[in-house]
Amino acid sequence: MDEHINIFKALSDATRLKIVWLLTNIDEKICVSEIVEVLDEYQYNVSRHLKILKKANLVEEVKEGKWVFYYLTPIKSEFRQLIQEAIKTIPESQMNNEIHKCKILLAERPK
């Protein structure tokens, strides 16, 4: 039951829900600086939100060179699958600006 409560608590904040929505819909790893720019939030706040999402086992991180990228934790339970499907139902129209900024940033990444 604690796992379920932690997930609901983590997703109860609009910024954290937006981060998970972005990771769900862009299907790519993103770094803190990209999230900061996309959501127009302070770096400290984004890092704090990511820490909470990581503690709830919703996101994981991988270090590539000097960058740390975040991605969704692979789904291993029916509950997580249902949560992910619920998040996917949030209309893209609710996140037009954010998804547009994110796509531009991802396209500008060095190859």
Protein backbone atom coordinates (compact mmCIF):
# COMPACT_ATOMS: atom_id res chain seq x y z
CA MET A 1 0.00 0.00 0.00
CA ASP A 2 2.89 2.41 0.74
CA GLU A 3 4.05 2.26 -2.89
CA HIS A 4 0.59 3.30 -4.08
CA ILE A 5 0.38 6.16 -1.61
CA ASN A 6 3.85 7.42 -2.59
CA ILE A 7 2.90 7.43 -6.27
CA PHE A 8 -0.33 9.34 -5.66
CA LYS A 9 1.48 11.84 -3.43
CA ALA A 10 4.19 12.33 -6.03
CA LEU A 11 1.65 12.95 -8.78
CA SER A 12 -0.47 15.30 -6.66
CA ASP A 13 1.74 18.26 -7.63
CA ALA A 14 1.10 19.94 -11.01
CA THR A 15 4.81 20.29 -11.86
CA ARG A 16 5.56 16.65 -11.10
CA LEU A 17 2.53 15.53 -13.10
CA LYS A 18 3.75 17.67 -16.03
CA ILE A 19 7.21 16.09 -15.82
CA VAL A 20 5.76 12.58 -15.92
CA TRP A 21 3.38 13.61 -18.72
CA LEU A 22 6.32 14.92 -20.77
CA LEU A 23 8.37 11.80 -20.20
CA THR A 24 5.36 9.68 -21.15
CA ASN A 25 4.55 11.57 -24.33
CA ILE A 26 7.98 12.40 -25.73
CA ASP A 27 9.35 8.94 -24.96
CA GLU A 28 12.90 10.25 -24.53
CA LYS A 29 15.32 10.91 -21.72
CA ILE A 30 15.52 14.57 -20.72
CA CYS A 31 17.89 16.46 -18.47
CA VAL A 32 17.13 18.95 -15.71
CA SER A 33 18.08 21.99 -17.80
CA GLU A 34 15.63 20.93 -20.51
CA ILE A 35 12.84 20.46 -17.98
CA VAL A 36 13.68 23.85 -16.46
CA GLU A 37 13.33 25.53 -19.84
CA VAL A 38 10.23 23.63 -20.93
CA LEU A 39 8.30 24.20 -17.68
CA ASP A 40 9.78 27.66 -16.98
CA GLU A 41 10.67 26.60 -13.44
CA TYR A 42 13.73 27.21 -11.28
CA GLN A 43 16.45 24.55 -11.42
CA TYR A 44 16.24 23.98 -7.68
CA ASN A 45 12.49 23.28 -7.88
CA VAL A 46 12.85 20.90 -10.82
CA SER A 47 15.61 18.99 -9.04
CA ARG A 48 13.46 18.72 -5.92
CA HIS A 49 10.49 17.47 -7.94
CA LEU A 50 12.65 14.90 -9.73
CA LYS A 51 13.94 13.66 -6.37
CA ILE A 52 10.35 13.08 -5.21
CA LEU A 53 9.46 11.29 -8.46
CA LYS A 54 12.57 9.16 -8.14
CA LYS A 55 11.71 8.27 -4.53
CA ALA A 56 8.24 7.20 -5.71
CA ASN A 57 9.98 5.00 -8.29
CA LEU A 58 8.34 6.85 -11.19
CA VAL A 59 11.56 8.07 -12.81
CA GLU A 60 15.14 6.92 -13.01
CA GLU A 61 18.31 8.70 -13.99
CA VAL A 62 21.31 7.85 -16.09
CA LYS A 63 24.53 9.82 -16.29
CA GLU A 64 25.94 10.39 -19.76
CA GLY A 65 29.16 12.36 -19.60
CA LYS A 66 28.49 15.46 -17.53
CA TRP A 67 24.72 15.27 -18.05
CA VAL A 68 22.15 13.41 -15.97
CA PHE A 69 19.10 12.34 -17.95
CA TYR A 70 15.76 11.28 -16.52
CA TYR A 71 13.35 8.74 -17.95
CA LEU A 72 10.29 6.80 -16.81
CA THR A 73 10.91 3.75 -14.68
CA PRO A 74 9.95 0.65 -16.65
CA ILE A 75 6.46 -0.50 -15.73
CA LYS A 76 6.43 -3.73 -13.71
CA SER A 77 2.96 -3.76 -12.23
CA GLU A 78 -0.65 -3.47 -13.32
CA PHE A 79 -1.06 -0.47 -11.01
CA ARG A 80 1.77 1.42 -12.69
CA GLN A 81 0.35 0.51 -16.10
CA LEU A 82 -3.02 1.97 -15.11
CA ILE A 83 -1.38 5.14 -13.75
CA GLN A 84 0.57 5.53 -17.01
CA GLU A 85 -2.56 5.07 -19.08
CA ALA A 86 -4.40 7.65 -16.97
CA ILE A 87 -1.58 10.16 -17.49
CA LYS A 88 -1.69 9.55 -21.24
CA THR A 89 -5.34 10.64 -21.26
CA ILE A 90 -4.39 14.20 -20.28
CA PRO A 91 -4.97 16.04 -23.57
CA GLU A 92 -1.94 17.39 -25.39
CA SER A 93 -3.89 20.64 -25.75
CA GLN A 94 -3.36 21.13 -21.99
CA MET A 95 0.39 21.09 -22.59
CA ASN A 96 0.73 22.79 -26.01
CA ASN A 97 3.45 25.26 -24.99
CA GLU A 98 5.44 22.70 -23.04
CA ILE A 99 5.39 20.01 -25.73
CA HIS A 100 6.33 22.58 -28.40
CA LYS A 101 9.30 23.85 -26.35
CA CYS A 102 10.37 20.29 -25.59
CA LYS A 103 10.33 19.21 -29.24
CA ILE A 104 12.44 22.24 -30.20
CA LEU A 105 14.99 21.51 -27.45
CA LEU A 106 15.22 17.85 -28.41
CA ALA A 107 15.73 18.77 -32.07
CA GLU A 108 18.56 21.14 -31.09
CA ARG A 109 20.49 18.48 -29.16
CA PRO A 110 23.93 17.75 -30.55
CA LYS A 111 23.96 14.43 -32.37
